[in-house]
Amino acid sequence: MATSVAERSTDKFPKITEEGLDDLRKRIGVKIENTVEPWNYEATRDGIRHYAHGIGDDNPLWCDPAYAEKTRYGGIVALPSFLFSTSRIVSGYCGGLPGVHAMWAGADWTWIKPVLRGDTITTEAYLKDLIGHETRFAGRAYQQIYHVDFFNQHGDKVAACDSYVFRTDRDEARERGTKYTEARANREERLTDAQMQEWFDLYRNEEVRGATPRYWEDVTVGDALPRMLKGPMTVTGFIGYAQGWGGLYIRTNKLHFRLIDDHPGLGIPNKFGVSDVPERVHWDDDFAREVGTPGAYDYGPERCSWLTHHMTNWIGDDGFLMQSGCQIRRHNPDGDVIFIDGSVVRKFEEGGKKLVEVQQRAETHRGELSAIGTAIAELPSKG
């Protein structure tokens, strides 16, 4: 049973309350009006490129107009995960329970049509469900699931996504800290040049399938996807992702003041007593430790985007990623190195399409499970 506020003198943050939960339950199924402005309304050349570079993806289909012009699309295409930048809701902006920490933890995407350069994206969103959990990391937690539909300027639905955050008590998470061992909490592990040079061979040799078709007939259940490297994690890298994605609450000066003024529960005083946003767990070590993590860590949508990057590298220009589900299993603080592996687990036909299903697994260089994913892609056929 959770300890009451009166019993704990160390409590610093607002708590999950029954009143707050009741308020959230009333919102289930209700269309969200006047959603917060997205980072990108349009799939511009620069917007697509900035997002791709934010996840370390240099595929010319997203980034090189001259190359993309020769593909079946006739121009630049937005990478699947670009749509994270067109909705703050799908990226973790959540309502209710003011001051209670939200950790983005996963998404189930379905893509219907490609998003082309110049497309304008609108969204419709609602709270889909609220599910209680008992976790090792933070005790009582609530999974807050949102559904978002994405439409282009023609009114065509291009994608849909269920994404979710876990709402947790910051004080409880800080006190428990059971998700990370003492060895993991000692974060001053120094990586050697030999280690990094060995890992960087994965970057040097990363295969972008590109214009060479991967035919469905040539794929066999059990085939392994090339291992993908991400990292070593740095705060610079986390900020690099935010540059392309836009972040949730990153605002400056007057716009920061207006955000805090409109949502007082959002602001958390920093060491100067200035109300700052909870998103600073991604660059502020001290504040990250306040929520029970070893230090500043990566973004959840970023990691989901790494898994889709792994897939689009493999399927090539003529493949189409139709579905991707990602579950985040731990934080990746700076210093972590991530390896993403995958294998084909199913090969099938549906609706006249030639499809493959791939299971993915992301682990740290210590062998810790970082994320798991399942993806379904359409591949070209020799027929």
Protein backbone atom coordinates (compact mmCIF):
# COMPACT_ATOMS: atom_id res chain seq x y z
CA MET A 1 0.00 0.00 0.00
CA ALA A 2 1.28 3.45 -0.87
CA THR A 3 2.48 5.63 1.99
CA SER A 4 0.38 8.73 2.64
CA VAL A 5 1.73 12.23 2.15
CA ALA A 6 1.52 12.84 5.87
CA GLU A 7 3.66 9.77 6.57
CA ARG A 8 6.48 10.76 4.25
CA SER A 9 8.36 13.96 4.90
CA THR A 10 10.46 13.53 1.76
CA ASP A 11 7.57 13.93 -0.68
CA LYS A 12 8.29 16.73 -3.15
CA PHE A 13 5.82 16.19 -6.00
CA PRO A 14 2.04 15.92 -6.53
CA LYS A 15 0.49 12.47 -6.12
CA ILE A 16 -1.90 10.30 -8.11
CA THR A 17 -5.31 10.80 -6.51
CA GLU A 18 -8.70 9.13 -6.94
CA GLU A 19 -10.17 12.51 -7.85
CA GLY A 20 -7.61 12.93 -10.61
CA LEU A 21 -8.25 9.43 -11.91
CA ASP A 22 -12.02 10.00 -11.93
CA ASP A 23 -11.49 13.16 -13.97
CA LEU A 24 -9.38 11.25 -16.50
CA ARG A 25 -11.93 8.44 -16.83
CA LYS A 26 -14.56 10.97 -17.83
CA ARG A 27 -12.39 11.92 -20.82
CA ILE A 28 -12.22 8.41 -22.31
CA GLY A 29 -13.59 8.37 -25.85
CA VAL A 30 -14.08 12.14 -25.98
CA LYS A 31 -12.46 13.83 -28.98
CA ILE A 32 -9.71 16.20 -27.86
CA GLU A 33 -10.40 19.71 -29.11
CA ASN A 34 -7.87 22.50 -29.46
CA THR A 35 -4.86 20.19 -29.22
CA VAL A 36 -1.50 21.78 -28.60
CA GLU A 37 0.24 23.01 -31.74
CA PRO A 38 2.41 20.33 -33.39
CA TRP A 39 6.05 20.84 -34.30
CA ASN A 40 5.31 20.18 -37.98
CA TYR A 41 2.11 20.84 -39.87
CA GLU A 42 3.70 20.07 -43.22
CA ALA A 43 6.06 17.43 -44.54
CA THR A 44 8.61 19.88 -45.90
CA ARG A 45 12.00 18.93 -47.27
CA ASP A 46 13.70 20.41 -44.21
CA GLY A 47 11.20 19.02 -41.70
CA ILE A 48 11.63 15.48 -43.05
CA ARG A 49 15.42 15.78 -43.17
CA HIS A 50 15.67 17.22 -39.67
CA TYR A 51 13.62 14.36 -38.25
CA ALA A 52 15.63 11.75 -40.16
CA HIS A 53 18.91 13.24 -39.00
CA GLY A 54 17.52 13.42 -35.44
CA ILE A 55 17.44 9.61 -35.35
CA GLY A 56 20.67 9.20 -37.30
CA ASP A 57 18.98 8.16 -40.56
CA ASP A 58 20.63 9.38 -43.78
CA ASN A 59 18.47 7.39 -46.22
CA PRO A 60 18.47 9.42 -49.46
CA LEU A 61 14.79 8.59 -50.00
CA TRP A 62 14.06 11.06 -47.19
CA CYS A 63 16.99 13.42 -47.65
CA ASP A 64 18.13 13.71 -51.28
CA PRO A 65 15.64 15.19 -53.81
CA ALA A 66 17.72 14.12 -56.83
CA TYR A 67 17.85 10.52 -55.62
CA ALA A 68 14.19 10.40 -54.56
CA GLU A 69 13.06 11.77 -57.93
CA LYS A 70 14.15 8.53 -59.58
CA THR A 71 12.13 6.30 -57.25
CA ARG A 72 8.51 5.20 -57.68
CA TYR A 73 7.46 8.14 -55.49
CA GLY A 74 8.95 10.75 -57.82
CA GLY A 75 10.24 12.79 -54.90
CA ILE A 76 11.12 12.88 -51.23
CA VAL A 77 9.02 10.75 -48.90
CA ALA A 78 8.62 11.23 -45.16
CA LEU A 79 10.08 8.42 -43.11
CA PRO A 80 7.30 6.59 -41.19
CA SER A 81 8.26 7.97 -37.77
CA PHE A 82 8.15 11.57 -39.05
CA LEU A 83 4.48 11.61 -38.01
CA PHE A 84 5.61 11.79 -34.37
CA SER A 85 6.46 15.41 -35.13
CA THR A 86 2.91 16.17 -36.32
CA SER A 87 1.15 15.37 -33.02
CA ARG A 88 2.14 16.18 -29.46
CA ILE A 89 -0.52 13.72 -28.24
CA VAL A 90 1.04 10.70 -29.97
CA SER A 91 4.43 11.82 -28.63
CA GLY A 92 3.44 11.85 -24.96
CA TYR A 93 1.61 15.12 -24.27
CA CYS A 94 -1.06 13.95 -21.84
CA GLY A 95 -3.80 15.57 -19.81
CA GLY A 96 -4.95 15.15 -16.23
CA LEU A 97 -3.07 14.39 -13.00
CA PRO A 98 -1.17 17.71 -12.94
CA GLY A 99 2.39 17.42 -11.68
CA VAL A 100 2.41 13.60 -11.87
CA HIS A 101 5.25 12.25 -13.98
CA ALA A 102 4.51 10.76 -17.40
CA MET A 103 6.89 8.28 -19.05
CA TRP A 104 6.25 7.53 -22.71
CA ALA A 105 6.36 3.74 -23.00
CA GLY A 106 5.21 2.53 -26.39
CA ALA A 107 3.17 2.82 -29.56
CA ASP A 108 1.34 0.66 -32.08
CA TRP A 109 1.45 2.28 -35.52
CA THR A 110 -0.44 1.47 -38.70
CA TRP A 111 0.56 3.27 -41.92
CA ILE A 112 -1.94 3.32 -44.78
CA LYS A 113 -0.45 5.68 -47.35
CA PRO A 114 2.97 7.30 -47.76
CA VAL A 115 3.40 10.90 -46.64
CA LEU A 116 4.97 12.82 -49.51
CA ARG A 117 6.91 16.05 -49.54
CA GLY A 118 4.44 18.92 -49.35
CA ASP A 119 1.67 16.99 -47.63
CA THR A 120 -0.15 18.81 -44.84
CA ILE A 121 -1.10 16.66 -41.86
CA THR A 122 -4.08 17.08 -39.54
CA THR A 123 -4.96 14.81 -36.63
CA GLU A 124 -7.87 13.65 -34.51
CA ALA A 125 -7.22 12.27 -31.05
CA TYR A 126 -8.97 10.92 -27.97
CA LEU A 127 -8.10 9.19 -24.71
CA LYS A 128 -8.68 5.50 -25.39
CA ASP A 129 -8.16 3.86 -22.00
CA LEU A 130 -6.72 4.17 -18.50
CA ILE A 131 -5.31 0.97 -17.00
CA GLY A 132 -3.88 0.53 -13.50
CA HIS A 133 -0.63 -1.38 -12.93
CA GLU A 134 1.62 -2.27 -10.01
CA THR A 135 5.24 -1.75 -11.08
CA ARG A 136 8.62 -2.50 -9.56
CA PHE A 137 9.93 0.85 -10.73
CA ALA A 138 7.34 3.20 -9.24
CA GLY A 139 4.71 1.19 -7.38
CA ARG A 140 1.23 2.16 -8.51
CA ALA A 141 1.19 3.43 -12.10
CA TYR A 142 -1.49 4.13 -14.68
CA GLN A 143 -1.17 3.40 -18.37
CA GLN A 144 -2.79 6.29 -20.22
CA ILE A 145 -3.52 5.26 -23.82
CA TYR A 146 -4.31 7.73 -26.61
CA HIS A 147 -5.53 7.06 -30.14
CA VAL A 148 -4.54 9.43 -32.94
CA ASP A 149 -5.61 9.38 -36.60
CA PHE A 150 -3.55 11.23 -39.23
CA PHE A 151 -4.96 12.75 -42.45
CA ASN A 152 -3.38 14.49 -45.43
CA GLN A 153 -4.66 17.62 -47.16
CA HIS A 154 -6.98 15.52 -49.35
CA GLY A 155 -8.73 14.06 -46.30
CA ASP A 156 -7.09 10.67 -46.85
CA LYS A 157 -6.22 8.78 -43.70
CA VAL A 158 -2.50 8.09 -43.90
CA ALA A 159 -1.87 6.49 -40.48
CA ALA A 160 -3.26 5.67 -37.05
CA CYS A 161 -1.54 5.08 -33.75
CA ASP A 162 -2.24 3.99 -30.19
CA SER A 163 0.48 5.38 -27.94
CA TYR A 164 0.73 5.37 -24.18
CA VAL A 165 2.44 6.86 -21.19
CA PHE A 166 2.74 5.56 -17.64
CA ARG A 167 1.79 8.06 -14.97
CA THR A 168 3.92 7.47 -11.88
CA ASP A 169 4.57 9.11 -8.53
CA ARG A 170 7.99 10.75 -8.76
CA ASP A 171 8.66 10.39 -5.02
CA GLU A 172 7.84 6.67 -5.08
CA ALA A 173 10.07 6.09 -8.12
CA ARG A 174 12.95 7.98 -6.51
CA GLU A 175 12.71 5.96 -3.28
CA ARG A 176 12.35 2.56 -4.91
CA GLY A 177 14.94 2.80 -7.70
CA THR A 178 14.68 -0.97 -8.08
CA LYS A 179 14.82 -0.97 -11.86
CA TYR A 180 18.53 -0.22 -11.84
CA THR A 181 21.16 -2.23 -10.01
CA GLU A 182 23.92 -0.62 -7.98
CA ALA A 183 26.34 -1.50 -10.77
CA ARG A 184 24.10 0.26 -13.29
CA ALA A 185 23.67 3.28 -11.06
CA ASN A 186 27.46 3.72 -11.10
CA ARG A 187 27.33 5.52 -14.43
CA GLU A 188 30.96 6.55 -14.72
CA GLU A 189 31.82 3.54 -16.86
CA ARG A 190 34.43 4.63 -19.37
CA LEU A 191 34.16 3.10 -22.83
CA THR A 192 37.47 2.19 -24.45
CA ASP A 193 38.63 3.29 -27.89
CA ALA A 194 38.86 -0.36 -28.90
CA GLN A 195 35.23 -0.96 -27.93
CA MET A 196 34.01 2.09 -29.78
CA GLN A 197 36.00 1.34 -32.93
CA GLU A 198 34.55 -2.17 -32.98
CA TRP A 199 31.01 -0.84 -32.55
CA PHE A 200 31.52 1.95 -35.07
CA ASP A 201 32.12 -0.69 -37.72
CA LEU A 202 28.36 -1.16 -37.56
CA TYR A 203 27.96 2.48 -38.59
CA ARG A 204 30.62 2.18 -41.28
CA ASN A 205 28.96 -0.87 -42.75
CA GLU A 206 25.29 0.02 -42.18
CA GLU A 207 23.31 -1.21 -45.17
CA VAL A 208 20.59 1.03 -46.60
CA ARG A 209 18.85 -1.28 -49.08
CA GLY A 210 17.69 1.65 -51.16
CA ALA A 211 17.04 1.07 -54.88
CA THR A 212 17.94 -2.64 -54.76
CA PRO A 213 14.59 -4.40 -54.28
CA ARG A 214 14.23 -6.96 -51.52
CA TYR A 215 11.82 -9.37 -53.15
CA TRP A 216 9.31 -11.24 -51.05
CA GLU A 217 10.23 -14.49 -52.79
CA ASP A 218 13.84 -14.14 -51.62
CA VAL A 219 12.94 -13.81 -47.94
CA THR A 220 12.80 -16.86 -45.67
CA VAL A 221 11.38 -17.23 -42.17
CA GLY A 222 14.35 -17.10 -39.81
CA ASP A 223 16.29 -14.57 -41.88
CA ALA A 224 18.16 -12.12 -39.63
CA LEU A 225 18.17 -8.39 -40.24
CA PRO A 226 21.56 -6.68 -40.03
CA ARG A 227 22.36 -5.48 -36.53
CA MET A 228 21.89 -1.72 -36.10
CA LEU A 229 23.86 0.45 -33.66
CA LYS A 230 22.52 3.49 -31.82
CA GLY A 231 24.74 5.46 -29.52
CA PRO A 232 26.75 5.78 -27.42
CA MET A 233 23.98 7.84 -25.84
CA THR A 234 24.85 11.48 -25.13
CA VAL A 235 22.82 14.47 -24.03
CA THR A 236 23.88 16.05 -27.31
CA GLY A 237 22.17 13.17 -29.10
CA PHE A 238 18.97 13.61 -27.08
CA ILE A 239 18.89 17.29 -28.01
CA GLY A 240 19.61 16.35 -31.63
CA TYR A 241 16.46 14.25 -31.64
CA ALA A 242 14.42 17.05 -30.06
CA GLN A 243 15.56 19.39 -32.86
CA GLY A 244 13.82 17.22 -35.44
CA TRP A 245 10.89 16.06 -33.32
CA GLY A 246 10.14 19.28 -31.49
CA GLY A 247 9.82 17.99 -27.94
CA LEU A 248 6.72 18.30 -25.80
CA TYR A 249 7.29 21.37 -23.70
CA ILE A 250 10.48 23.00 -25.00
CA ARG A 251 9.66 26.71 -25.11
CA THR A 252 11.64 29.90 -24.53
CA ASN A 253 11.07 33.25 -22.84
CA LYS A 254 7.54 34.57 -23.37
CA LEU A 255 6.30 31.29 -24.85
CA HIS A 256 7.70 29.38 -21.87
CA PHE A 257 6.00 31.80 -19.49
CA ARG A 258 2.71 31.43 -21.33
CA LEU A 259 2.91 27.62 -21.16
CA ILE A 260 3.52 27.63 -17.40
CA ASP A 261 0.93 30.35 -16.86
CA ASP A 262 -1.72 28.33 -18.69
CA HIS A 263 -0.73 25.04 -17.01
CA PRO A 264 0.60 25.81 -13.49
CA GLY A 265 0.85 22.12 -12.59
CA LEU A 266 3.36 21.63 -15.39
CA GLY A 267 6.10 23.77 -13.87
CA ILE A 268 8.63 22.22 -11.48
CA PRO A 269 11.08 24.60 -9.80
CA ASN A 270 14.73 24.20 -10.76
CA LYS A 271 17.67 25.01 -8.47
CA PHE A 272 17.06 28.73 -9.02
CA GLY A 273 13.39 28.46 -8.08
CA VAL A 274 12.33 28.98 -11.70
CA SER A 275 9.44 26.84 -12.92
CA ASP A 276 10.80 24.55 -15.61
CA VAL A 277 9.25 21.67 -17.55
CA PRO A 278 9.37 17.95 -16.64
CA GLU A 279 10.90 17.22 -20.06
CA ARG A 280 14.25 18.33 -18.69
CA VAL A 281 14.79 14.76 -17.43
CA HIS A 282 16.34 14.30 -20.89
CA TRP A 283 19.19 16.76 -20.28
CA ASP A 284 19.25 17.48 -16.52
CA ASP A 285 20.99 14.68 -14.59
CA ASP A 286 19.92 15.95 -11.18
CA PHE A 287 16.26 16.19 -12.10
CA ALA A 288 16.35 12.82 -13.86
CA ARG A 289 17.50 11.26 -10.57
CA GLU A 290 14.50 12.85 -8.87
CA VAL A 291 12.25 10.54 -10.90
CA GLY A 292 14.28 7.44 -10.06
CA THR A 293 16.60 7.12 -13.07
CA PRO A 294 20.42 7.13 -13.08
CA GLY A 295 20.60 10.32 -15.11
CA ALA A 296 19.46 12.09 -18.28
CA TYR A 297 18.00 9.59 -20.73
CA ASP A 298 16.69 9.20 -24.27
CA TYR A 299 13.17 9.90 -25.56
CA GLY A 300 10.66 7.06 -25.97
CA PRO A 301 9.46 8.12 -29.46
CA GLU A 302 13.13 8.33 -30.43
CA ARG A 303 13.64 4.67 -29.63
CA CYS A 304 10.44 3.70 -31.45
CA SER A 305 11.82 5.59 -34.46
CA TRP A 306 15.06 3.60 -34.26
CA LEU A 307 13.08 0.38 -34.69
CA THR A 308 11.29 1.74 -37.77
CA HIS A 309 14.66 2.95 -39.11
CA HIS A 310 15.94 -0.61 -38.71
CA MET A 311 13.01 -1.81 -40.85
CA THR A 312 13.13 0.81 -43.61
CA ASN A 313 16.85 0.20 -44.10
CA TRP A 314 16.05 -3.47 -44.67
CA ILE A 315 12.93 -3.30 -46.89
CA GLY A 316 14.33 -0.78 -49.37
CA ASP A 317 12.65 1.90 -51.46
CA ASP A 318 10.07 -0.47 -52.95
CA GLY A 319 8.96 -1.87 -49.60
CA PHE A 320 6.31 -0.23 -47.43
CA LEU A 321 6.23 -0.41 -43.64
CA MET A 322 2.61 -1.08 -42.70
CA GLN A 323 2.72 -1.73 -38.97
CA SER A 324 5.14 -1.30 -36.08
CA GLY A 325 4.62 -1.93 -32.40
CA CYS A 326 7.25 -0.84 -29.89
CA GLN A 327 7.40 -1.37 -26.12
CA ILE A 328 9.98 0.53 -24.06
CA ARG A 329 11.45 -1.59 -21.28
CA ARG A 330 13.96 0.70 -19.57
CA HIS A 331 15.57 4.12 -19.81
CA ASN A 332 18.75 4.56 -21.83
CA PRO A 333 20.86 7.13 -19.96
CA ASP A 334 23.85 8.81 -21.56
CA GLY A 335 26.72 6.36 -21.87
CA ASP A 336 24.51 3.48 -23.01
CA VAL A 337 25.10 1.78 -26.35
CA ILE A 338 22.13 0.13 -28.08
CA PHE A 339 22.12 -2.81 -30.49
CA ILE A 340 18.96 -3.53 -32.50
CA ASP A 341 18.46 -7.01 -33.95
CA GLY A 342 15.55 -8.58 -35.78
CA SER A 343 14.44 -11.70 -37.58
CA VAL A 344 11.65 -12.71 -39.94
CA VAL A 345 9.03 -14.74 -38.06
CA ARG A 346 6.26 -14.92 -40.64
CA LYS A 347 5.80 -14.65 -44.39
CA PHE A 348 2.26 -14.40 -45.72
CA GLU A 349 -0.14 -12.91 -48.26
CA GLU A 350 -3.15 -10.78 -47.43
CA GLY A 351 -5.36 -8.63 -49.62
CA GLY A 352 -3.14 -9.28 -52.60
CA LYS A 353 -0.09 -7.99 -50.74
CA LYS A 354 3.14 -9.89 -50.07
CA LEU A 355 3.92 -9.39 -46.39
CA VAL A 356 6.58 -10.28 -43.84
CA GLU A 357 6.50 -10.01 -40.06
CA VAL A 358 9.67 -9.17 -38.17
CA GLN A 359 10.36 -9.34 -34.45
CA GLN A 360 12.90 -6.84 -33.11
CA ARG A 361 14.88 -6.61 -29.92
CA ALA A 362 17.04 -3.74 -28.65
CA GLU A 363 19.63 -4.37 -25.92
CA THR A 364 22.31 -2.28 -24.26
CA HIS A 365 25.98 -3.18 -24.47
CA ARG A 366 25.50 -4.74 -21.02
CA GLY A 367 22.82 -7.11 -22.34
CA GLU A 368 19.94 -5.21 -20.70
CA LEU A 369 16.63 -5.29 -22.58
CA SER A 370 15.88 -1.79 -23.86
CA ALA A 371 12.88 -2.30 -26.17
CA ILE A 372 11.02 -4.91 -28.17
CA GLY A 373 9.11 -4.49 -31.38
CA THR A 374 7.05 -6.26 -34.01
CA ALA A 375 6.73 -4.95 -37.56
CA ILE A 376 4.84 -5.94 -40.72
CA ALA A 377 6.07 -4.74 -44.10
CA GLU A 378 4.92 -5.16 -47.69
CA LEU A 379 7.69 -6.25 -50.07
CA PRO A 380 7.80 -6.16 -53.86
CA SER A 381 7.20 -9.42 -55.71
CA LYS A 382 9.01 -10.86 -58.70
CA GLY A 383 5.60 -11.77 -60.04
